Amino acid sequence: MRTSNLPKNFVVLFSVFLLGSLPITGCSSRTFSPAFHKEKRTRSGSLVNINTASAAELEKLPHVGPVFARKIVDHRKRYGPFRQIEHLLLVDGISEARFQEFSEFIDTE
């Protein structure tokens, strides 16, 4: 498929849809796999479901304040539920480093 005539954002989002985890332009880290994350999430007792949590509940995550919590809720309302926790990287302002800090405390189920 030729991508020269397509907008860059479309190509990136389409690749996220097809491949499923972290093919975002500029990401150099591949330190976790979905199977590893699934195992890590099920052991933790205090998980926050990013598909059902309110902004106040999201603020309990490390390094997530009212602004990022509101952005997560707004993104979820606009585009629907997150299918994978890595899709939080599509929310404006959430970097890979910030995502790594709170990823072990979230869940999509």
N, C-alpha and C. Protein backbone atom coordinates (compact mmCIF):
# COMPACT_ATOMS: atom_id res chain seq x y z
N MET A 1 0.84 -1.18 0.00
CA MET A 1 0.00 0.00 0.00
C MET A 1 0.88 1.23 0.00
N ARG A 2 0.67 2.11 -0.94
CA ARG A 2 1.43 3.35 -0.99
C ARG A 2 0.89 4.31 0.05
N THR A 3 1.76 4.90 0.84
CA THR A 3 1.32 5.80 1.90
C THR A 3 1.72 7.24 1.63
N SER A 4 2.36 7.52 0.50
CA SER A 4 2.84 8.87 0.25
C SER A 4 1.71 9.88 0.12
N ASN A 5 0.53 9.45 -0.29
CA ASN A 5 -0.59 10.38 -0.46
C ASN A 5 -1.49 10.44 0.78
N LEU A 6 -1.22 9.63 1.78
CA LEU A 6 -2.04 9.61 2.98
C LEU A 6 -1.42 10.48 4.07
N PRO A 7 -2.26 11.11 4.90
CA PRO A 7 -1.72 11.89 6.02
C PRO A 7 -0.97 10.98 7.00
N LYS A 8 0.08 11.51 7.61
CA LYS A 8 0.91 10.71 8.51
C LYS A 8 0.09 10.17 9.68
N ASN A 9 -0.81 10.97 10.25
CA ASN A 9 -1.62 10.52 11.39
C ASN A 9 -2.48 9.32 11.01
N PHE A 10 -3.00 9.32 9.80
CA PHE A 10 -3.82 8.19 9.37
C PHE A 10 -2.98 6.93 9.29
N VAL A 11 -1.79 7.05 8.75
CA VAL A 11 -0.91 5.88 8.61
C VAL A 11 -0.56 5.33 9.98
N VAL A 12 -0.25 6.20 10.93
CA VAL A 12 0.12 5.76 12.28
C VAL A 12 -1.07 5.09 12.96
N LEU A 13 -2.24 5.71 12.91
CA LEU A 13 -3.42 5.12 13.55
C LEU A 13 -3.82 3.80 12.88
N PHE A 14 -3.69 3.74 11.57
CA PHE A 14 -4.02 2.51 10.87
C PHE A 14 -3.07 1.39 11.26
N SER A 15 -1.78 1.72 11.43
CA SER A 15 -0.84 0.68 11.83
C SER A 15 -1.10 0.22 13.26
N VAL A 16 -1.55 1.14 14.13
CA VAL A 16 -1.92 0.75 15.49
C VAL A 16 -3.11 -0.21 15.43
N PHE A 17 -4.05 0.09 14.58
CA PHE A 17 -5.22 -0.77 14.43
C PHE A 17 -4.82 -2.15 13.93
N LEU A 18 -3.95 -2.22 12.94
CA LEU A 18 -3.58 -3.50 12.36
C LEU A 18 -2.66 -4.32 13.25
N LEU A 19 -1.66 -3.69 13.83
CA LEU A 19 -0.64 -4.44 14.56
C LEU A 19 -0.93 -4.55 16.05
N GLY A 20 -1.65 -3.61 16.61
CA GLY A 20 -2.12 -3.77 17.97
C GLY A 20 -1.29 -3.21 19.09
N SER A 21 0.02 -3.16 19.02
CA SER A 21 0.75 -2.67 20.18
C SER A 21 2.02 -1.93 19.81
N LEU A 22 2.03 -0.68 20.07
CA LEU A 22 3.17 0.21 19.99
C LEU A 22 3.91 0.36 18.66
N PRO A 23 3.24 0.35 17.54
CA PRO A 23 3.96 0.67 16.32
C PRO A 23 3.93 2.18 16.04
N ILE A 24 3.89 2.98 17.07
CA ILE A 24 3.77 4.42 16.93
C ILE A 24 5.13 5.00 16.51
N THR A 25 5.10 5.92 15.58
CA THR A 25 6.33 6.52 15.08
C THR A 25 7.09 7.16 16.22
N GLY A 26 8.37 6.87 16.32
CA GLY A 26 9.21 7.47 17.34
C GLY A 26 9.39 6.61 18.57
N CYS A 27 8.61 5.58 18.74
CA CYS A 27 8.78 4.70 19.90
C CYS A 27 9.94 3.76 19.65
N SER A 28 10.88 3.76 20.56
CA SER A 28 12.02 2.89 20.38
C SER A 28 12.02 1.75 21.39
N SER A 29 11.13 1.81 22.36
CA SER A 29 11.12 0.81 23.41
C SER A 29 10.13 -0.31 23.09
N ARG A 30 10.59 -1.50 23.23
CA ARG A 30 9.73 -2.69 23.09
C ARG A 30 9.97 -3.56 24.32
N THR A 31 9.89 -2.95 25.51
CA THR A 31 10.28 -3.63 26.73
C THR A 31 9.20 -4.52 27.31
N PHE A 32 7.99 -4.50 26.77
CA PHE A 32 6.96 -5.34 27.31
C PHE A 32 6.12 -5.91 26.19
N SER A 33 5.55 -7.05 26.46
CA SER A 33 4.65 -7.67 25.50
C SER A 33 3.28 -7.78 26.15
N PRO A 34 2.21 -7.90 25.37
CA PRO A 34 0.88 -8.02 25.95
C PRO A 34 0.76 -9.17 26.94
N ALA A 35 1.40 -10.31 26.68
CA ALA A 35 1.30 -11.45 27.59
C ALA A 35 1.95 -11.12 28.94
N PHE A 36 3.07 -10.45 28.93
CA PHE A 36 3.74 -10.06 30.17
C PHE A 36 2.88 -9.08 30.95
N HIS A 37 2.31 -8.11 30.26
CA HIS A 37 1.47 -7.12 30.93
C HIS A 37 0.21 -7.77 31.52
N LYS A 38 -0.37 -8.68 30.80
CA LYS A 38 -1.58 -9.35 31.30
C LYS A 38 -1.29 -10.06 32.61
N GLU A 39 -0.17 -10.75 32.71
CA GLU A 39 0.21 -11.46 33.93
C GLU A 39 0.46 -10.47 35.07
N LYS A 40 1.11 -9.37 34.77
CA LYS A 40 1.43 -8.39 35.79
C LYS A 40 0.16 -7.71 36.32
N ARG A 41 -0.79 -7.45 35.44
CA ARG A 41 -2.01 -6.78 35.85
C ARG A 41 -2.88 -7.66 36.73
N THR A 42 -2.93 -8.94 36.49
CA THR A 42 -3.83 -9.79 37.26
C THR A 42 -3.34 -10.02 38.69
N ARG A 43 -2.05 -9.84 38.95
CA ARG A 43 -1.54 -10.02 40.30
C ARG A 43 -1.82 -8.83 41.20
N SER A 44 -1.91 -7.65 40.64
CA SER A 44 -2.09 -6.44 41.43
C SER A 44 -3.52 -6.36 41.97
N GLY A 45 -3.66 -5.87 43.20
CA GLY A 45 -4.98 -5.80 43.83
C GLY A 45 -5.74 -4.53 43.55
N SER A 46 -5.07 -3.42 43.25
CA SER A 46 -5.75 -2.13 43.09
C SER A 46 -5.57 -1.61 41.67
N LEU A 47 -6.33 -2.16 40.76
CA LEU A 47 -6.26 -1.73 39.36
C LEU A 47 -7.34 -0.71 39.08
N VAL A 48 -7.05 0.21 38.18
CA VAL A 48 -8.03 1.20 37.73
C VAL A 48 -8.41 0.82 36.31
N ASN A 49 -9.70 0.62 36.07
CA ASN A 49 -10.17 0.27 34.74
C ASN A 49 -10.31 1.57 33.95
N ILE A 50 -9.49 1.74 32.91
CA ILE A 50 -9.49 2.98 32.16
C ILE A 50 -10.74 3.15 31.29
N ASN A 51 -11.53 2.10 31.13
CA ASN A 51 -12.75 2.21 30.35
C ASN A 51 -13.97 2.57 31.18
N THR A 52 -13.89 2.44 32.49
CA THR A 52 -15.04 2.75 33.33
C THR A 52 -14.74 3.78 34.42
N ALA A 53 -13.48 4.10 34.65
CA ALA A 53 -13.09 4.99 35.74
C ALA A 53 -13.49 6.43 35.43
N SER A 54 -13.89 7.13 36.48
CA SER A 54 -14.17 8.55 36.36
C SER A 54 -12.85 9.32 36.39
N ALA A 55 -12.92 10.61 36.13
CA ALA A 55 -11.72 11.44 36.17
C ALA A 55 -11.10 11.42 37.56
N ALA A 56 -11.93 11.43 38.60
CA ALA A 56 -11.42 11.39 39.98
C ALA A 56 -10.68 10.09 40.27
N GLU A 57 -11.18 8.98 39.75
CA GLU A 57 -10.50 7.69 39.94
C GLU A 57 -9.19 7.63 39.17
N LEU A 58 -9.16 8.22 37.98
CA LEU A 58 -7.94 8.24 37.18
C LEU A 58 -6.85 9.09 37.82
N GLU A 59 -7.25 10.09 38.59
CA GLU A 59 -6.28 10.96 39.27
C GLU A 59 -5.52 10.22 40.35
N LYS A 60 -5.99 9.07 40.77
CA LYS A 60 -5.29 8.26 41.78
C LYS A 60 -4.05 7.57 41.20
N LEU A 61 -3.95 7.54 39.88
CA LEU A 61 -2.77 6.94 39.24
C LEU A 61 -1.56 7.85 39.44
N PRO A 62 -0.37 7.27 39.55
CA PRO A 62 0.83 8.10 39.70
C PRO A 62 1.05 8.98 38.46
N HIS A 63 1.36 10.23 38.69
CA HIS A 63 1.67 11.20 37.64
C HIS A 63 0.50 11.49 36.72
N VAL A 64 -0.72 11.29 37.19
CA VAL A 64 -1.91 11.67 36.43
C VAL A 64 -2.68 12.66 37.27
N GLY A 65 -2.75 13.87 36.78
CA GLY A 65 -3.48 14.93 37.47
C GLY A 65 -4.83 15.16 36.82
N PRO A 66 -5.50 16.23 37.21
CA PRO A 66 -6.84 16.51 36.66
C PRO A 66 -6.85 16.72 35.14
N VAL A 67 -5.81 17.33 34.60
CA VAL A 67 -5.77 17.61 33.16
C VAL A 67 -5.68 16.31 32.36
N PHE A 68 -4.75 15.43 32.72
CA PHE A 68 -4.61 14.16 31.99
C PHE A 68 -5.81 13.25 32.23
N ALA A 69 -6.35 13.27 33.42
CA ALA A 69 -7.54 12.45 33.69
C ALA A 69 -8.69 12.89 32.79
N ARG A 70 -8.88 14.20 32.64
CA ARG A 70 -9.95 14.72 31.79
C ARG A 70 -9.68 14.36 30.33
N LYS A 71 -8.41 14.42 29.89
CA LYS A 71 -8.08 14.05 28.51
C LYS A 71 -8.38 12.58 28.23
N ILE A 72 -8.12 11.72 29.20
CA ILE A 72 -8.40 10.29 29.04
C ILE A 72 -9.90 10.06 28.91
N VAL A 73 -10.68 10.70 29.78
CA VAL A 73 -12.14 10.55 29.75
C VAL A 73 -12.70 11.10 28.44
N ASP A 74 -12.21 12.27 28.01
CA ASP A 74 -12.69 12.86 26.76
C ASP A 74 -12.34 11.99 25.56
N HIS A 75 -11.14 11.43 25.54
CA HIS A 75 -10.73 10.54 24.45
C HIS A 75 -11.62 9.30 24.41
N ARG A 76 -11.91 8.75 25.58
CA ARG A 76 -12.77 7.56 25.67
C ARG A 76 -14.18 7.87 25.18
N LYS A 77 -14.70 9.05 25.53
CA LYS A 77 -16.04 9.42 25.07
C LYS A 77 -16.08 9.62 23.57
N ARG A 78 -15.01 10.18 23.02
CA ARG A 78 -14.99 10.50 21.60
C ARG A 78 -14.76 9.26 20.73
N TYR A 79 -13.83 8.39 21.13
CA TYR A 79 -13.42 7.27 20.29
C TYR A 79 -13.88 5.90 20.79
N GLY A 80 -14.48 5.84 21.95
CA GLY A 80 -14.92 4.56 22.49
C GLY A 80 -13.90 3.98 23.45
N PRO A 81 -14.18 2.80 23.98
CA PRO A 81 -13.30 2.22 25.00
C PRO A 81 -11.94 1.83 24.43
N PHE A 82 -10.97 1.79 25.32
CA PHE A 82 -9.62 1.37 24.97
C PHE A 82 -9.60 -0.16 24.89
N ARG A 83 -9.07 -0.71 23.81
CA ARG A 83 -8.99 -2.16 23.68
C ARG A 83 -7.75 -2.72 24.35
N GLN A 84 -6.69 -1.93 24.39
CA GLN A 84 -5.44 -2.32 25.04
C GLN A 84 -4.95 -1.12 25.83
N ILE A 85 -4.22 -1.39 26.91
CA ILE A 85 -3.73 -0.27 27.71
C ILE A 85 -2.74 0.59 26.92
N GLU A 86 -2.06 0.02 25.95
CA GLU A 86 -1.10 0.77 25.14
C GLU A 86 -1.78 1.86 24.31
N HIS A 87 -3.07 1.74 24.09
CA HIS A 87 -3.79 2.74 23.32
C HIS A 87 -3.87 4.08 24.06
N LEU A 88 -3.54 4.10 25.33
CA LEU A 88 -3.45 5.37 26.05
C LEU A 88 -2.38 6.28 25.45
N LEU A 89 -1.43 5.71 24.74
CA LEU A 89 -0.40 6.51 24.09
C LEU A 89 -0.98 7.40 22.99
N LEU A 90 -2.19 7.12 22.55
CA LEU A 90 -2.85 7.95 21.54
C LEU A 90 -3.46 9.20 22.15
N VAL A 91 -3.61 9.25 23.47
CA VAL A 91 -4.16 10.42 24.15
C VAL A 91 -3.12 11.53 24.13
N ASP A 92 -3.54 12.70 23.74
CA ASP A 92 -2.65 13.85 23.64
C ASP A 92 -1.98 14.14 24.97
N GLY A 93 -0.65 14.19 24.97
CA GLY A 93 0.10 14.55 26.17
C GLY A 93 0.63 13.38 26.97
N ILE A 94 0.23 12.17 26.66
CA ILE A 94 0.74 11.01 27.40
C ILE A 94 1.92 10.44 26.63
N SER A 95 3.10 10.61 27.21
CA SER A 95 4.32 10.12 26.58
C SER A 95 4.55 8.67 26.98
N GLU A 96 5.51 8.05 26.32
CA GLU A 96 5.84 6.67 26.64
C GLU A 96 6.39 6.56 28.07
N ALA A 97 7.18 7.56 28.49
CA ALA A 97 7.74 7.55 29.84
C ALA A 97 6.63 7.66 30.90
N ARG A 98 5.69 8.56 30.69
CA ARG A 98 4.57 8.70 31.63
C ARG A 98 3.73 7.43 31.65
N PHE A 99 3.50 6.86 30.48
CA PHE A 99 2.73 5.63 30.39
C PHE A 99 3.39 4.52 31.20
N GLN A 100 4.70 4.38 31.10
CA GLN A 100 5.43 3.35 31.84
C GLN A 100 5.26 3.52 33.35
N GLU A 101 5.13 4.76 33.82
CA GLU A 101 5.02 5.01 35.25
C GLU A 101 3.71 4.50 35.84
N PHE A 102 2.62 4.53 35.07
CA PHE A 102 1.35 4.10 35.64
C PHE A 102 0.73 2.88 34.97
N SER A 103 1.41 2.29 34.01
CA SER A 103 0.81 1.18 33.26
C SER A 103 0.51 -0.06 34.11
N GLU A 104 1.28 -0.28 35.17
CA GLU A 104 1.04 -1.47 35.98
C GLU A 104 -0.18 -1.32 36.88
N PHE A 105 -0.78 -0.14 36.94
CA PHE A 105 -1.92 0.11 37.81
C PHE A 105 -3.24 0.18 37.05
N ILE A 106 -3.22 -0.05 35.72
CA ILE A 106 -4.43 0.09 34.92
C ILE A 106 -4.83 -1.22 34.27
N ASP A 107 -6.08 -1.25 33.86
CA ASP A 107 -6.66 -2.44 33.24
C ASP A 107 -7.73 -1.98 32.27
N THR A 108 -8.09 -2.83 31.30
CA THR A 108 -9.15 -2.50 30.35
C THR A 108 -10.36 -3.41 30.51
N GLU A 109 -10.28 -4.36 31.41
CA GLU A 109 -11.37 -5.33 31.56
C GLU A 109 -12.20 -5.07 32.78
